[in-house]
Amino acid sequence: MGQTTLSIRMDDDIKRRFDIFCADAGMNATVAVNMFARAVLREKCIPFKVTGDDDPFYSAKNQARLLKAMEQIEAGKGTEHELIEDGDA
């Protein structure tokens, strides 16, 4: 099988801590990334939960509010308001 190079960018501190973790686990970053890629292909998904729940914008409650507001607007029940610019509130 041929080999290729994958070049990624990441925060210096994250890379340093990742390298330390990999060394402690008896591997290097290349092995870890290859393990990740193989798991994705095998499972046909990211092998861990990806969520934005720590950001209030992505909370289930806020997403439900946004969907309801969109439904109301599409049904012609929306109310138009003037924009509030930064510093004008």
PDB file of N, CA and C in Angstrom:
ATOM      1  N   MET A   1       0.826  -1.171   0.000  1.00  0.00           N
ATOM      2  CA  MET A   1       0.000   0.000   0.000  1.00  0.00           C
ATOM      3  C   MET A   1       0.879   1.246   0.000  1.00  0.00           C
ATOM      4  N   GLY A   2       0.519   2.224  -0.806  1.00  0.00           N
ATOM      5  CA  GLY A   2       1.275   3.470  -0.852  1.00  0.00           C
ATOM      6  C   GLY A   2       1.031   4.323   0.376  1.00  0.00           C
ATOM      7  N   GLN A   3       1.902   5.244   0.589  1.00  0.00           N
ATOM      8  CA  GLN A   3       1.801   6.154   1.731  1.00  0.00           C
ATOM      9  C   GLN A   3       1.569   7.569   1.219  1.00  0.00           C
ATOM     10  N   THR A   4       0.892   8.382   1.999  1.00  0.00           N
ATOM     11  CA  THR A   4       0.696   9.780   1.684  1.00  0.00           C
ATOM     12  C   THR A   4       0.865  10.591   2.965  1.00  0.00           C
ATOM     13  N   THR A   5       0.919  11.891   2.839  1.00  0.00           N
ATOM     14  CA  THR A   5       1.102  12.763   3.992  1.00  0.00           C
ATOM     15  C   THR A   5      -0.168  13.552   4.234  1.00  0.00           C
ATOM     16  N   LEU A   6      -0.568  13.655   5.499  1.00  0.00           N
ATOM     17  CA  LEU A   6      -1.687  14.483   5.922  1.00  0.00           C
ATOM     18  C   LEU A   6      -1.109  15.596   6.767  1.00  0.00           C
ATOM     19  N   SER A   7      -1.334  16.816   6.359  1.00  0.00           N
ATOM     20  CA  SER A   7      -0.817  17.960   7.095  1.00  0.00           C
ATOM     21  C   SER A   7      -1.989  18.671   7.757  1.00  0.00           C
ATOM     22  N   ILE A   8      -1.936  18.844   9.074  1.00  0.00           N
ATOM     23  CA  ILE A   8      -3.012  19.532   9.784  1.00  0.00           C
ATOM     24  C   ILE A   8      -2.425  20.654  10.631  1.00  0.00           C
ATOM     25  N   ARG A   9      -3.278  21.605  10.986  1.00  0.00           N
ATOM     26  CA  ARG A   9      -2.851  22.700  11.852  1.00  0.00           C
ATOM     27  C   ARG A   9      -3.581  22.544  13.170  1.00  0.00           C
ATOM     28  N   MET A  10      -2.872  22.785  14.271  1.00  0.00           N
ATOM     29  CA  MET A  10      -3.510  22.770  15.579  1.00  0.00           C
ATOM     30  C   MET A  10      -2.740  23.665  16.527  1.00  0.00           C
ATOM     31  N   ASP A  11      -3.388  24.016  17.596  1.00  0.00           N
ATOM     32  CA  ASP A  11      -2.798  24.843  18.631  1.00  0.00           C
ATOM     33  C   ASP A  11      -1.525  24.184  19.168  1.00  0.00           C
ATOM     34  N   ASP A  12      -0.481  24.984  19.391  1.00  0.00           N
ATOM     35  CA  ASP A  12       0.803  24.458  19.887  1.00  0.00           C
ATOM     36  C   ASP A  12       0.647  23.663  21.175  1.00  0.00           C
ATOM     37  N   ASP A  13      -0.122  24.204  22.118  1.00  0.00           N
ATOM     38  CA  ASP A  13      -0.280  23.529  23.409  1.00  0.00           C
ATOM     39  C   ASP A  13      -1.018  22.209  23.262  1.00  0.00           C
ATOM     40  N   ILE A  14      -2.037  22.167  22.415  1.00  0.00           N
ATOM     41  CA  ILE A  14      -2.769  20.915  22.191  1.00  0.00           C
ATOM     42  C   ILE A  14      -1.835  19.880  21.585  1.00  0.00           C
ATOM     43  N   LYS A  15      -1.021  20.278  20.613  1.00  0.00           N
ATOM     44  CA  LYS A  15      -0.080  19.334  19.987  1.00  0.00           C
ATOM     45  C   LYS A  15       0.918  18.809  21.013  1.00  0.00           C
ATOM     46  N   ARG A  16       1.451  19.705  21.833  1.00  0.00           N
ATOM     47  CA  ARG A  16       2.417  19.288  22.852  1.00  0.00           C
ATOM     48  C   ARG A  16       1.784  18.286  23.813  1.00  0.00           C
ATOM     49  N   ARG A  17       0.575  18.582  24.299  1.00  0.00           N
ATOM     50  CA  ARG A  17      -0.103  17.673  25.223  1.00  0.00           C
ATOM     51  C   ARG A  17      -0.491  16.365  24.544  1.00  0.00           C
ATOM     52  N   PHE A  18      -0.888  16.431  23.253  1.00  0.00           N
ATOM     53  CA  PHE A  18      -1.236  15.226  22.501  1.00  0.00           C
ATOM     54  C   PHE A  18      -0.005  14.342  22.323  1.00  0.00           C
ATOM     55  N   ASP A  19       1.124  14.942  21.987  1.00  0.00           N
ATOM     56  CA  ASP A  19       2.374  14.179  21.850  1.00  0.00           C
ATOM     57  C   ASP A  19       2.744  13.485  23.164  1.00  0.00           C
ATOM     58  N   ILE A  20       2.560  14.191  24.288  1.00  0.00           N
ATOM     59  CA  ILE A  20       2.861  13.589  25.591  1.00  0.00           C
ATOM     60  C   ILE A  20       1.928  12.409  25.852  1.00  0.00           C
ATOM     61  N   PHE A  21       0.636  12.599  25.578  1.00  0.00           N
ATOM     62  CA  PHE A  21      -0.316  11.504  25.761  1.00  0.00           C
ATOM     63  C   PHE A  21       0.076  10.297  24.909  1.00  0.00           C
ATOM     64  N   CYS A  22       0.352  10.543  23.633  1.00  0.00           N
ATOM     65  CA  CYS A  22       0.708   9.452  22.724  1.00  0.00           C
ATOM     66  C   CYS A  22       1.949   8.707  23.218  1.00  0.00           C
ATOM     67  N   ALA A  23       2.960   9.439  23.661  1.00  0.00           N
ATOM     68  CA  ALA A  23       4.180   8.808  24.179  1.00  0.00           C
ATOM     69  C   ALA A  23       3.858   7.956  25.403  1.00  0.00           C
ATOM     70  N   ASP A  24       3.014   8.484  26.298  1.00  0.00           N
ATOM     71  CA  ASP A  24       2.612   7.721  27.478  1.00  0.00           C
ATOM     72  C   ASP A  24       1.861   6.448  27.105  1.00  0.00           C
ATOM     73  N   ALA A  25       1.134   6.492  25.971  1.00  0.00           N
ATOM     74  CA  ALA A  25       0.368   5.334  25.504  1.00  0.00           C
ATOM     75  C   ALA A  25       1.209   4.420  24.611  1.00  0.00           C
ATOM     76  N   GLY A  26       2.485   4.757  24.411  1.00  0.00           N
ATOM     77  CA  GLY A  26       3.380   3.908  23.628  1.00  0.00           C
ATOM     78  C   GLY A  26       3.255   4.055  22.131  1.00  0.00           C
ATOM     79  N   MET A  27       2.861   5.225  21.678  1.00  0.00           N
ATOM     80  CA  MET A  27       2.737   5.470  20.236  1.00  0.00           C
ATOM     81  C   MET A  27       3.126   6.907  19.953  1.00  0.00           C
ATOM     82  N   ASN A  28       3.043   7.287  18.680  1.00  0.00           N
ATOM     83  CA  ASN A  28       3.269   8.681  18.319  1.00  0.00           C
ATOM     84  C   ASN A  28       1.991   9.238  17.694  1.00  0.00           C
ATOM     85  N   ALA A  29       1.998  10.527  17.365  1.00  0.00           N
ATOM     86  CA  ALA A  29       0.801  11.172  16.825  1.00  0.00           C
ATOM     87  C   ALA A  29       0.358  10.540  15.509  1.00  0.00           C
ATOM     88  N   THR A  30       1.287  10.118  14.684  1.00  0.00           N
ATOM     89  CA  THR A  30       0.932   9.488  13.402  1.00  0.00           C
ATOM     90  C   THR A  30       0.130   8.219  13.630  1.00  0.00           C
ATOM     91  N   VAL A  31       0.581   7.391  14.558  1.00  0.00           N
ATOM     92  CA  VAL A  31      -0.135   6.148  14.872  1.00  0.00           C
ATOM     93  C   VAL A  31      -1.533   6.482  15.395  1.00  0.00           C
ATOM     94  N   ALA A  32      -1.632   7.469  16.291  1.00  0.00           N
ATOM     95  CA  ALA A  32      -2.926   7.836  16.868  1.00  0.00           C
ATOM     96  C   ALA A  32      -3.894   8.332  15.796  1.00  0.00           C
ATOM     97  N   VAL A  33      -3.413   9.178  14.890  1.00  0.00           N
ATOM     98  CA  VAL A  33      -4.287   9.697  13.836  1.00  0.00           C
ATOM     99  C   VAL A  33      -4.699   8.572  12.888  1.00  0.00           C
ATOM    100  N   ASN A  34      -3.789   7.652  12.586  1.00  0.00           N
ATOM    101  CA  ASN A  34      -4.147   6.496  11.754  1.00  0.00           C
ATOM    102  C   ASN A  34      -5.193   5.628  12.444  1.00  0.00           C
ATOM    103  N   MET A  35      -5.062   5.451  13.761  1.00  0.00           N
ATOM    104  CA  MET A  35      -6.065   4.686  14.511  1.00  0.00           C
ATOM    105  C   MET A  35      -7.426   5.369  14.425  1.00  0.00           C
ATOM    106  N   PHE A  36      -7.430   6.693  14.559  1.00  0.00           N
ATOM    107  CA  PHE A  36      -8.665   7.458  14.451  1.00  0.00           C
ATOM    108  C   PHE A  36      -9.297   7.267  13.064  1.00  0.00           C
ATOM    109  N   ALA A  37      -8.504   7.412  12.006  1.00  0.00           N
ATOM    110  CA  ALA A  37      -9.015   7.283  10.635  1.00  0.00           C
ATOM    111  C   ALA A  37      -9.594   5.891  10.398  1.00  0.00           C
ATOM    112  N   ARG A  38      -8.898   4.863  10.884  1.00  0.00           N
ATOM    113  CA  ARG A  38      -9.400   3.492  10.710  1.00  0.00           C
ATOM    114  C   ARG A  38     -10.697   3.270  11.474  1.00  0.00           C
ATOM    115  N   ALA A  39     -10.808   3.848  12.679  1.00  0.00           N
ATOM    116  CA  ALA A  39     -12.044   3.722  13.457  1.00  0.00           C
ATOM    117  C   ALA A  39     -13.206   4.410  12.740  1.00  0.00           C
ATOM    118  N   VAL A  40     -12.958   5.596  12.161  1.00  0.00           N
ATOM    119  CA  VAL A  40     -14.001   6.301  11.413  1.00  0.00           C
ATOM    120  C   VAL A  40     -14.488   5.447  10.252  1.00  0.00           C
ATOM    121  N   LEU A  41     -13.557   4.872   9.502  1.00  0.00           N
ATOM    122  CA  LEU A  41     -13.931   4.053   8.347  1.00  0.00           C
ATOM    123  C   LEU A  41     -14.645   2.771   8.766  1.00  0.00           C
ATOM    124  N   ARG A  42     -14.186   2.169   9.848  1.00  0.00           N
ATOM    125  CA  ARG A  42     -14.798   0.921  10.326  1.00  0.00           C
ATOM    126  C   ARG A  42     -16.214   1.178  10.845  1.00  0.00           C
ATOM    127  N   GLU A  43     -16.380   2.210  11.663  1.00  0.00           N
ATOM    128  CA  GLU A  43     -17.664   2.495  12.301  1.00  0.00           C
ATOM    129  C   GLU A  43     -18.582   3.362  11.431  1.00  0.00           C
ATOM    130  N   LYS A  44     -17.996   3.962  10.392  1.00  0.00           N
ATOM    131  CA  LYS A  44     -18.715   4.873   9.496  1.00  0.00           C
ATOM    132  C   LYS A  44     -19.323   6.053  10.271  1.00  0.00           C
ATOM    133  N   CYS A  45     -18.572   6.527  11.257  1.00  0.00           N
ATOM    134  CA  CYS A  45     -18.958   7.703  12.038  1.00  0.00           C
ATOM    135  C   CYS A  45     -17.750   8.163  12.846  1.00  0.00           C
ATOM    136  N   ILE A  46     -17.829   9.354  13.400  1.00  0.00           N
ATOM    137  CA  ILE A  46     -16.797   9.827  14.315  1.00  0.00           C
ATOM    138  C   ILE A  46     -16.927   8.963  15.571  1.00  0.00           C
ATOM    139  N   PRO A  47     -15.847   8.376  16.059  1.00  0.00           N
ATOM    140  CA  PRO A  47     -15.957   7.412  17.163  1.00  0.00           C
ATOM    141  C   PRO A  47     -16.125   8.031  18.546  1.00  0.00           C
ATOM    142  N   PHE A  48     -16.674   9.222  18.617  1.00  0.00           N
ATOM    143  CA  PHE A  48     -17.004   9.855  19.891  1.00  0.00           C
ATOM    144  C   PHE A  48     -18.087  10.880  19.620  1.00  0.00           C
ATOM    145  N   LYS A  49     -18.800  11.262  20.660  1.00  0.00           N
ATOM    146  CA  LYS A  49     -19.901  12.208  20.517  1.00  0.00           C
ATOM    147  C   LYS A  49     -19.354  13.599  20.232  1.00  0.00           C
ATOM    148  N   VAL A  50     -19.871  14.234  19.185  1.00  0.00           N
ATOM    149  CA  VAL A  50     -19.490  15.597  18.836  1.00  0.00           C
ATOM    150  C   VAL A  50     -20.699  16.473  19.134  1.00  0.00           C
ATOM    151  N   THR A  51     -20.531  17.452  20.022  1.00  0.00           N
ATOM    152  CA  THR A  51     -21.652  18.296  20.389  1.00  0.00           C
ATOM    153  C   THR A  51     -21.198  19.715  20.636  1.00  0.00           C
ATOM    154  N   GLY A  52     -22.107  20.602  20.527  1.00  0.00           N
ATOM    155  CA  GLY A  52     -21.847  21.997  20.826  1.00  0.00           C
ATOM    156  C   GLY A  52     -22.648  22.426  22.045  1.00  0.00           C
ATOM    157  N   ASP A  53     -23.054  21.462  22.864  1.00  0.00           N
ATOM    158  CA  ASP A  53     -23.925  21.751  23.996  1.00  0.00           C
ATOM    159  C   ASP A  53     -23.316  22.713  25.004  1.00  0.00           C
ATOM    160  N   ASP A  54     -22.003  22.849  25.027  1.00  0.00           N
ATOM    161  CA  ASP A  54     -21.409  23.780  25.972  1.00  0.00           C
ATOM    162  C   ASP A  54     -21.616  25.228  25.524  1.00  0.00           C
ATOM    163  N   ASP A  55     -22.025  25.422  24.285  1.00  0.00           N
ATOM    164  CA  ASP A  55     -22.343  26.741  23.759  1.00  0.00           C
ATOM    165  C   ASP A  55     -23.854  26.913  23.838  1.00  0.00           C
ATOM    166  N   PRO A  56     -24.357  27.905  24.597  1.00  0.00           N
ATOM    167  CA  PRO A  56     -25.801  28.074  24.753  1.00  0.00           C
ATOM    168  C   PRO A  56     -26.548  28.182  23.432  1.00  0.00           C
ATOM    169  N   PHE A  57     -25.892  28.689  22.389  1.00  0.00           N
ATOM    170  CA  PHE A  57     -26.566  28.814  21.094  1.00  0.00           C
ATOM    171  C   PHE A  57     -26.992  27.448  20.566  1.00  0.00           C
ATOM    172  N   TYR A  58     -26.222  26.407  20.859  1.00  0.00           N
ATOM    173  CA  TYR A  58     -26.489  25.083  20.312  1.00  0.00           C
ATOM    174  C   TYR A  58     -27.281  24.196  21.257  1.00  0.00           C
ATOM    175  N   SER A  59     -27.756  24.738  22.387  1.00  0.00           N
ATOM    176  CA  SER A  59     -28.514  23.916  23.326  1.00  0.00           C
ATOM    177  C   SER A  59     -29.812  23.453  22.667  1.00  0.00           C
ATOM    178  N   ALA A  60     -30.312  22.309  23.093  1.00  0.00           N
ATOM    179  CA  ALA A  60     -31.554  21.769  22.540  1.00  0.00           C
ATOM    180  C   ALA A  60     -32.711  22.747  22.751  1.00  0.00           C
ATOM    181  N   LYS A  61     -32.742  23.389  23.927  1.00  0.00           N
ATOM    182  CA  LYS A  61     -33.807  24.335  24.235  1.00  0.00           C
ATOM    183  C   LYS A  61     -33.766  25.523  23.272  1.00  0.00           C
ATOM    184  N   ASN A  62     -32.579  26.063  23.024  1.00  0.00           N
ATOM    185  CA  ASN A  62     -32.462  27.202  22.123  1.00  0.00           C
ATOM    186  C   ASN A  62     -32.765  26.799  20.682  1.00  0.00           C
ATOM    187  N   GLN A  63     -32.325  25.614  20.280  1.00  0.00           N
ATOM    188  CA  GLN A  63     -32.615  25.154  18.920  1.00  0.00           C
ATOM    189  C   GLN A  63     -34.125  25.004  18.716  1.00  0.00           C
ATOM    190  N   ALA A  64     -34.836  24.513  19.744  1.00  0.00           N
ATOM    191  CA  ALA A  64     -36.294  24.376  19.650  1.00  0.00           C
ATOM    192  C   ALA A  64     -36.948  25.753  19.505  1.00  0.00           C
ATOM    193  N   ARG A  65     -36.447  26.746  20.254  1.00  0.00           N
ATOM    194  CA  ARG A  65     -36.970  28.114  20.133  1.00  0.00           C
ATOM    195  C   ARG A  65     -36.750  28.660  18.725  1.00  0.00           C
ATOM    196  N   LEU A  66     -35.556  28.432  18.189  1.00  0.00           N
ATOM    197  CA  LEU A  66     -35.253  28.927  16.847  1.00  0.00           C
ATOM    198  C   LEU A  66     -36.159  28.283  15.806  1.00  0.00           C
ATOM    199  N   LEU A  67     -36.379  26.966  15.908  1.00  0.00           N
ATOM    200  CA  LEU A  67     -37.264  26.278  14.959  1.00  0.00           C
ATOM    201  C   LEU A  67     -38.687  26.815  15.051  1.00  0.00           C
ATOM    202  N   LYS A  68     -39.172  27.039  16.293  1.00  0.00           N
ATOM    203  CA  LYS A  68     -40.516  27.579  16.474  1.00  0.00           C
ATOM    204  C   LYS A  68     -40.625  28.973  15.853  1.00  0.00           C
ATOM    205  N   ALA A  69     -39.615  29.808  16.073  1.00  0.00           N
ATOM    206  CA  ALA A  69     -39.618  31.157  15.508  1.00  0.00           C
ATOM    207  C   ALA A  69     -39.624  31.103  13.983  1.00  0.00           C
ATOM    208  N   MET A  70     -38.841  30.192  13.408  1.00  0.00           N
ATOM    209  CA  MET A  70     -38.810  30.060  11.943  1.00  0.00           C
ATOM    210  C   MET A  70     -40.171  29.626  11.416  1.00  0.00           C
ATOM    211  N   GLU A  71     -40.839  28.701  12.114  1.00  0.00           N
ATOM    212  CA  GLU A  71     -42.170  28.253  11.696  1.00  0.00           C
ATOM    213  C   GLU A  71     -43.164  29.410  11.743  1.00  0.00           C
ATOM    214  N   GLN A  72     -43.080  30.226  12.807  1.00  0.00           N
ATOM    215  CA  GLN A  72     -43.984  31.372  12.926  1.00  0.00           C
ATOM    216  C   GLN A  72     -43.745  32.385  11.813  1.00  0.00           C
ATOM    217  N   ILE A  73     -42.491  32.646  11.506  1.00  0.00           N
ATOM    218  CA  ILE A  73     -42.168  33.589  10.428  1.00  0.00           C
ATOM    219  C   ILE A  73     -42.686  33.069   9.100  1.00  0.00           C
ATOM    220  N   GLU A  74     -42.469  31.774   8.825  1.00  0.00           N
ATOM    221  CA  GLU A  74     -42.937  31.182   7.565  1.00  0.00           C
ATOM    222  C   GLU A  74     -44.455  31.200   7.472  1.00  0.00           C
ATOM    223  N   ALA A  75     -45.144  31.174   8.628  1.00  0.00           N
ATOM    224  CA  ALA A  75     -46.606  31.211   8.646  1.00  0.00           C
ATOM    225  C   ALA A  75     -47.132  32.645   8.628  1.00  0.00           C
ATOM    226  N   GLY A  76     -46.219  33.624   8.513  1.00  0.00           N
ATOM    227  CA  GLY A  76     -46.635  35.017   8.459  1.00  0.00           C
ATOM    228  C   GLY A  76     -46.975  35.606   9.816  1.00  0.00           C
ATOM    229  N   LYS A  77     -46.554  34.949  10.895  1.00  0.00           N
ATOM    230  CA  LYS A  77     -46.878  35.416  12.244  1.00  0.00           C
ATOM    231  C   LYS A  77     -45.704  36.119  12.918  1.00  0.00           C
ATOM    232  N   GLY A  78     -44.707  36.458  12.155  1.00  0.00           N
ATOM    233  CA  GLY A  78     -43.533  37.114  12.730  1.00  0.00           C
ATOM    234  C   GLY A  78     -43.755  38.600  12.928  1.00  0.00           C
ATOM    235  N   THR A  79     -42.948  39.195  13.779  1.00  0.00           N
ATOM    236  CA  THR A  79     -42.998  40.634  14.021  1.00  0.00           C
ATOM    237  C   THR A  79     -41.656  41.221  13.638  1.00  0.00           C
ATOM    238  N   GLU A  80     -41.680  42.267  12.826  1.00  0.00           N
ATOM    239  CA  GLU A  80     -40.431  42.900  12.401  1.00  0.00           C
ATOM    240  C   GLU A  80     -40.017  43.937  13.432  1.00  0.00           C
ATOM    241  N   HIS A  81     -38.735  43.916  13.798  1.00  0.00           N
ATOM    242  CA  HIS A  81     -38.196  44.863  14.768  1.00  0.00           C
ATOM    243  C   HIS A  81     -37.018  45.582  14.143  1.00  0.00           C
ATOM    244  N   GLU A  82     -36.724  46.791  14.662  1.00  0.00           N
ATOM    245  CA  GLU A  82     -35.540  47.502  14.212  1.00  0.00           C
ATOM    246  C   GLU A  82     -34.311  46.808  14.772  1.00  0.00           C
ATOM    247  N   LEU A  83     -33.223  46.855  14.045  1.00  0.00           N
ATOM    248  CA  LEU A  83     -31.980  46.272  14.513  1.00  0.00           C
ATOM    249  C   LEU A  83     -31.381  47.113  15.629  1.00  0.00           C
ATOM    250  N   ILE A  84     -30.808  46.470  16.600  1.00  0.00           N
ATOM    251  CA  ILE A  84     -30.117  47.176  17.677  1.00  0.00           C
ATOM    252  C   ILE A  84     -28.621  47.012  17.384  1.00  0.00           C
ATOM    253  N   GLU A  85     -27.982  48.113  17.066  1.00  0.00           N
ATOM    254  CA  GLU A  85     -26.548  48.076  16.761  1.00  0.00           C
ATOM    255  C   GLU A  85     -25.766  48.095  18.056  1.00  0.00           C
ATOM    256  N   ASP A  86     -24.551  47.605  18.033  1.00  0.00           N
ATOM    257  CA  ASP A  86     -23.679  47.619  19.206  1.00  0.00           C
ATOM    258  C   ASP A  86     -23.573  49.031  19.757  1.00  0.00           C
ATOM    259  N   GLY A  87     -23.784  49.188  21.060  1.00  0.00           N
ATOM    260  CA  GLY A  87     -23.654  50.487  21.700  1.00  0.00           C
ATOM    261  C   GLY A  87     -24.909  51.349  21.647  1.00  0.00           C
ATOM    262  N   ASP A  88     -25.910  50.945  20.854  1.00  0.00           N
ATOM    263  CA  ASP A  88     -27.133  51.727  20.751  1.00  0.00           C
ATOM    264  C   ASP A  88     -28.233  51.202  21.667  1.00  0.00           C
ATOM    265  N   ALA A  89     -27.974  50.139  22.406  1.00  0.00           N
ATOM    266  CA  ALA A  89     -29.023  49.510  23.219  1.00  0.00           C
ATOM    267  C   ALA A  89     -29.329  50.302  24.459  1.00  0.00           C
TER     268      ALA A  89
END
